[in-house]
């Protein structure tokens, strides 16, 4: 009887995993669609920025230059760092 209960539990766990995987895939598609929609605009509004970016970190270096780091909402597996040097 214990073996049947264990197998039933494993089947239920697989079903839950499948549901979670489908939900995650749908969320990723929504993230991609949101990004496409935001990029159609000539600028990023405050509301869209808040949808895309979870956290902004600004660090002032000893030489007075700034390092800005953006932590995005959503799952962006391919990411990169970009540095801009602004001369005033």
N, C-alpha and C. Protein backbone atom coordinates (compact mmCIF):
# COMPACT_ATOMS: atom_id res chain seq x y z
N UNK A 1 0.82 -1.19 0.00
CA UNK A 1 0.00 0.00 0.00
C UNK A 1 0.87 1.26 0.00
N UNK A 2 2.01 1.20 0.68
CA UNK A 2 2.92 2.35 0.74
C UNK A 2 3.46 2.68 -0.64
N UNK A 3 3.78 1.68 -1.44
CA UNK A 3 4.30 1.89 -2.78
C UNK A 3 3.27 2.63 -3.64
N UNK A 4 2.01 2.27 -3.54
CA UNK A 4 0.95 2.94 -4.29
C UNK A 4 0.85 4.42 -3.88
N UNK A 5 0.95 4.70 -2.59
CA UNK A 5 0.88 6.07 -2.09
C UNK A 5 2.08 6.89 -2.60
N UNK A 6 3.25 6.28 -2.62
CA UNK A 6 4.45 6.97 -3.12
C UNK A 6 4.33 7.28 -4.61
N UNK A 7 3.85 6.31 -5.37
CA UNK A 7 3.67 6.53 -6.81
C UNK A 7 2.61 7.59 -7.08
N UNK A 8 1.53 7.57 -6.32
CA UNK A 8 0.49 8.58 -6.47
C UNK A 8 1.05 9.96 -6.18
N UNK A 9 1.87 10.07 -5.16
CA UNK A 9 2.48 11.35 -4.82
C UNK A 9 3.43 11.83 -5.91
N UNK A 10 4.22 10.90 -6.48
CA UNK A 10 5.13 11.28 -7.57
C UNK A 10 4.37 11.76 -8.79
N UNK A 11 3.26 11.10 -9.10
CA UNK A 11 2.43 11.53 -10.23
C UNK A 11 1.88 12.93 -9.97
N UNK A 12 1.41 13.18 -8.78
CA UNK A 12 0.88 14.50 -8.41
C UNK A 12 1.98 15.57 -8.49
N UNK A 13 3.17 15.22 -8.02
CA UNK A 13 4.30 16.16 -8.09
C UNK A 13 4.63 16.50 -9.55
N UNK A 14 4.59 15.51 -10.42
CA UNK A 14 4.86 15.74 -11.85
C UNK A 14 3.80 16.65 -12.46
N UNK A 15 2.55 16.46 -12.08
CA UNK A 15 1.48 17.31 -12.59
C UNK A 15 1.68 18.76 -12.13
N UNK A 16 2.04 18.93 -10.87
CA UNK A 16 2.28 20.28 -10.35
C UNK A 16 3.46 20.94 -11.07
N UNK A 17 4.51 20.16 -11.32
CA UNK A 17 5.67 20.68 -12.03
C UNK A 17 5.29 21.11 -13.44
N UNK A 18 4.47 20.29 -14.11
CA UNK A 18 4.01 20.62 -15.46
C UNK A 18 3.20 21.91 -15.46
N UNK A 19 2.31 22.08 -14.49
CA UNK A 19 1.51 23.30 -14.39
C UNK A 19 2.40 24.51 -14.15
N UNK A 20 3.38 24.35 -13.26
CA UNK A 20 4.31 25.44 -12.96
C UNK A 20 5.13 25.81 -14.19
N UNK A 21 5.58 24.81 -14.93
CA UNK A 21 6.36 25.06 -16.15
C UNK A 21 5.54 25.82 -17.18
N UNK A 22 4.29 25.44 -17.36
CA UNK A 22 3.42 26.13 -18.32
C UNK A 22 3.19 27.58 -17.88
N UNK A 23 2.96 27.77 -16.59
CA UNK A 23 2.73 29.13 -16.07
C UNK A 23 3.98 29.98 -16.29
N UNK A 24 5.14 29.43 -16.00
CA UNK A 24 6.40 30.16 -16.16
C UNK A 24 6.62 30.53 -17.62
N UNK A 25 6.33 29.60 -18.53
CA UNK A 25 6.48 29.87 -19.96
C UNK A 25 5.55 31.00 -20.39
N UNK A 26 4.31 30.97 -19.90
CA UNK A 26 3.36 32.04 -20.21
C UNK A 26 3.84 33.38 -19.68
N UNK A 27 4.43 33.39 -18.48
CA UNK A 27 4.96 34.63 -17.91
C UNK A 27 6.11 35.16 -18.74
N UNK A 28 6.98 34.28 -19.22
CA UNK A 28 8.10 34.71 -20.05
C UNK A 28 7.60 35.31 -21.36
N UNK A 29 6.59 34.69 -21.93
CA UNK A 29 6.03 35.23 -23.16
C UNK A 29 5.44 36.61 -22.89
N UNK A 30 4.80 36.77 -21.75
CA UNK A 30 4.24 38.07 -21.39
C UNK A 30 5.34 39.10 -21.22
N UNK A 31 6.46 38.70 -20.63
CA UNK A 31 7.60 39.61 -20.46
C UNK A 31 8.13 40.05 -21.81
N UNK A 32 8.26 39.13 -22.74
CA UNK A 32 8.76 39.46 -24.08
C UNK A 32 7.78 40.38 -24.80
N UNK A 33 6.50 40.10 -24.68
CA UNK A 33 5.49 40.95 -25.31
C UNK A 33 5.50 42.35 -24.71
N UNK A 34 5.65 42.42 -23.39
CA UNK A 34 5.71 43.72 -22.71
C UNK A 34 6.91 44.52 -23.21
N UNK A 35 8.04 43.86 -23.30
CA UNK A 35 9.26 44.53 -23.76
C UNK A 35 9.09 45.04 -25.19
N UNK A 36 8.49 44.23 -26.05
CA UNK A 36 8.24 44.67 -27.43
C UNK A 36 7.35 45.91 -27.45
N UNK A 37 6.32 45.89 -26.62
CA UNK A 37 5.38 47.02 -26.57
C UNK A 37 6.08 48.29 -26.08
N UNK A 38 6.88 48.16 -25.04
CA UNK A 38 7.58 49.32 -24.48
C UNK A 38 8.56 49.90 -25.49
N UNK A 39 9.23 49.04 -26.23
CA UNK A 39 10.25 49.52 -27.18
C UNK A 39 9.65 50.19 -28.42
N UNK A 40 8.35 50.06 -28.62
CA UNK A 40 7.70 50.76 -29.73
C UNK A 40 7.61 52.26 -29.48
N UNK A 41 7.63 52.66 -28.22
CA UNK A 41 7.53 54.08 -27.87
C UNK A 41 8.89 54.76 -28.05
N UNK A 42 8.90 56.06 -28.36
CA UNK A 42 10.17 56.77 -28.53
C UNK A 42 10.90 57.03 -27.20
N UNK A 43 10.20 56.87 -26.09
CA UNK A 43 10.81 57.04 -24.77
C UNK A 43 10.16 56.05 -23.82
N UNK A 44 10.77 55.84 -22.66
CA UNK A 44 10.21 54.93 -21.66
C UNK A 44 9.56 55.76 -20.57
N UNK A 45 8.27 55.58 -20.40
CA UNK A 45 7.54 56.32 -19.37
C UNK A 45 7.92 55.80 -17.99
N UNK A 46 7.60 56.58 -16.99
CA UNK A 46 7.85 56.17 -15.61
C UNK A 46 7.16 54.85 -15.30
N UNK A 47 5.90 54.72 -15.74
CA UNK A 47 5.14 53.49 -15.47
C UNK A 47 5.79 52.28 -16.14
N UNK A 48 6.22 52.43 -17.40
CA UNK A 48 6.87 51.31 -18.08
C UNK A 48 8.23 50.99 -17.48
N UNK A 49 8.95 52.02 -17.05
CA UNK A 49 10.24 51.79 -16.41
C UNK A 49 10.05 50.97 -15.14
N UNK A 50 9.02 51.29 -14.37
CA UNK A 50 8.75 50.55 -13.14
C UNK A 50 8.34 49.11 -13.43
N UNK A 51 7.69 48.87 -14.57
CA UNK A 51 7.34 47.51 -14.95
C UNK A 51 8.57 46.70 -15.32
N UNK A 52 9.53 47.33 -15.97
CA UNK A 52 10.71 46.63 -16.46
C UNK A 52 11.83 46.51 -15.43
N UNK A 53 12.01 47.54 -14.60
CA UNK A 53 13.18 47.60 -13.72
C UNK A 53 12.75 47.40 -12.26
N UNK A 54 13.40 46.44 -11.60
CA UNK A 54 13.11 46.16 -10.19
C UNK A 54 13.91 47.08 -9.28
N UNK A 55 15.18 47.33 -9.65
CA UNK A 55 16.06 48.08 -8.75
C UNK A 55 17.12 48.82 -9.56
N UNK A 56 17.39 50.06 -9.15
CA UNK A 56 18.46 50.87 -9.76
C UNK A 56 19.46 51.19 -8.65
N UNK A 57 20.72 50.91 -8.91
CA UNK A 57 21.78 51.20 -7.95
C UNK A 57 22.76 52.17 -8.60
N UNK A 58 23.04 53.27 -7.92
CA UNK A 58 23.99 54.26 -8.42
C UNK A 58 25.13 54.36 -7.41
N UNK A 59 26.36 54.23 -7.93
CA UNK A 59 27.56 54.32 -7.07
C UNK A 59 28.48 55.39 -7.63
N UNK A 60 28.89 56.32 -6.77
CA UNK A 60 29.84 57.34 -7.20
C UNK A 60 31.25 56.87 -6.89
N UNK A 61 32.09 56.84 -7.90
CA UNK A 61 33.47 56.42 -7.76
C UNK A 61 34.32 57.55 -7.20
N UNK A 62 35.54 57.23 -6.79
CA UNK A 62 36.44 58.22 -6.21
C UNK A 62 36.73 59.37 -7.18
N UNK A 63 36.73 59.05 -8.49
CA UNK A 63 37.02 60.10 -9.48
C UNK A 63 35.79 60.91 -9.85
N UNK A 64 34.67 60.67 -9.19
CA UNK A 64 33.45 61.43 -9.45
C UNK A 64 32.54 60.80 -10.50
N UNK A 65 33.03 59.77 -11.20
CA UNK A 65 32.19 59.10 -12.19
C UNK A 65 31.16 58.22 -11.49
N UNK A 66 30.11 57.89 -12.20
CA UNK A 66 29.03 57.10 -11.62
C UNK A 66 28.93 55.73 -12.28
N UNK A 67 28.66 54.73 -11.48
CA UNK A 67 28.33 53.39 -11.98
C UNK A 67 26.84 53.20 -11.70
N UNK A 68 26.08 52.86 -12.75
CA UNK A 68 24.64 52.65 -12.61
C UNK A 68 24.35 51.20 -12.96
N UNK A 69 23.66 50.53 -12.06
CA UNK A 69 23.30 49.13 -12.26
C UNK A 69 21.78 49.00 -12.23
N UNK A 70 21.24 48.30 -13.22
CA UNK A 70 19.79 48.07 -13.30
C UNK A 70 19.50 46.59 -13.07
N UNK A 71 18.58 46.30 -12.18
CA UNK A 71 18.12 44.93 -11.97
C UNK A 71 16.72 44.85 -12.56
N UNK A 72 16.56 44.02 -13.58
CA UNK A 72 15.30 43.97 -14.32
C UNK A 72 14.31 42.97 -13.73
N UNK A 73 13.04 43.26 -13.90
CA UNK A 73 11.99 42.28 -13.63
C UNK A 73 11.97 41.32 -14.82
N UNK A 74 11.48 40.13 -14.60
CA UNK A 74 11.44 39.16 -15.69
C UNK A 74 12.72 38.37 -15.76
N UNK A 75 12.72 37.43 -16.67
CA UNK A 75 13.85 36.51 -16.80
C UNK A 75 14.61 36.83 -18.08
N UNK A 76 15.66 37.63 -17.96
CA UNK A 76 16.49 37.97 -19.09
C UNK A 76 17.78 37.17 -18.97
N UNK A 77 17.81 36.03 -19.63
CA UNK A 77 18.97 35.15 -19.51
C UNK A 77 20.21 35.74 -20.18
N UNK A 78 20.01 36.38 -21.32
CA UNK A 78 21.13 37.01 -22.01
C UNK A 78 21.17 38.47 -21.62
N UNK A 79 22.13 38.83 -20.80
CA UNK A 79 22.24 40.21 -20.36
C UNK A 79 23.66 40.70 -20.59
N UNK A 80 23.81 41.99 -20.54
CA UNK A 80 25.14 42.55 -20.73
C UNK A 80 25.27 43.81 -19.89
N UNK A 81 26.49 44.21 -19.69
CA UNK A 81 26.77 45.44 -18.98
C UNK A 81 27.25 46.47 -19.99
N UNK A 82 26.76 47.68 -19.84
CA UNK A 82 27.14 48.76 -20.74
C UNK A 82 27.63 49.92 -19.90
N UNK A 83 28.74 50.49 -20.29
CA UNK A 83 29.29 51.65 -19.57
C UNK A 83 29.27 52.85 -20.50
N UNK A 84 28.81 53.95 -19.97
CA UNK A 84 28.79 55.21 -20.73
C UNK A 84 29.68 56.20 -20.01
N UNK A 85 30.47 56.89 -20.76
CA UNK A 85 31.30 57.95 -20.19
C UNK A 85 30.72 59.27 -20.69
N UNK A 86 30.29 60.09 -19.75
CA UNK A 86 29.67 61.36 -20.11
C UNK A 86 30.65 62.47 -19.76
N UNK A 87 31.00 63.22 -20.76
CA UNK A 87 31.91 64.35 -20.55
C UNK A 87 31.09 65.63 -20.57
N UNK A 88 31.19 66.38 -19.51
CA UNK A 88 30.41 67.64 -19.43
C UNK A 88 31.27 68.80 -19.82
